[in-house]
Amino acid sequence: MNRIILVRQPISQKAMQRQLEQLFQRQFGQPQARVLWHEESTWQPPIDVYETDEAFIVLAELAGMRDSEIEITLSSDGLFLAGRRPEIHPDGTLRFHRLGINEGPFQAAVLLPGPINEDNITADYDDGLLTVTLPKRPHQTRRIEVTNR
């Protein structure tokens, strides 16, 4: 099982990133974690990842945003969400009694749990929820002939 370790440090800490990944490799014999770095000022939205018989589903809570403020990218490492929630607090002197709504830039990474059909991925944003549907790629079996020498 792969894990993601999210370190809230400046991006310039690449040496630390390599050391952590090497530590996990030495400890478990194979890469068990991927270390992702991001700026301290970013936040991570709540995300659910689940699967149906046909697809993997990524559901992210991004209330208060427009779809044009959300960026979705796919790489061999996984699915990445990024964007910026606009500031919602009025200018001036405020005395907060409770502060729990994140604003500003966000980033999130989701490791893909299995092979997907990249040509049919869809993303829908409705009522503050982003739903990314990643159809599963059918498992292909191939018969291999045994030859005599």
Foldseek 3Di string as FASTA:
>chain_A
DAEEDEDADDPVVVVVQVVVQVVCCVVPVHRRYHYDYDHNLADAFDWDWDDDPWWIKIKTQAPQDDPVQWDWDQDQQFIKIKGFRADDDDDDDDDDPDDDDRGTIYMDGDGDPAAFDVVDWDWDADNRMIMIITTHDDDDDDDDDDDDD
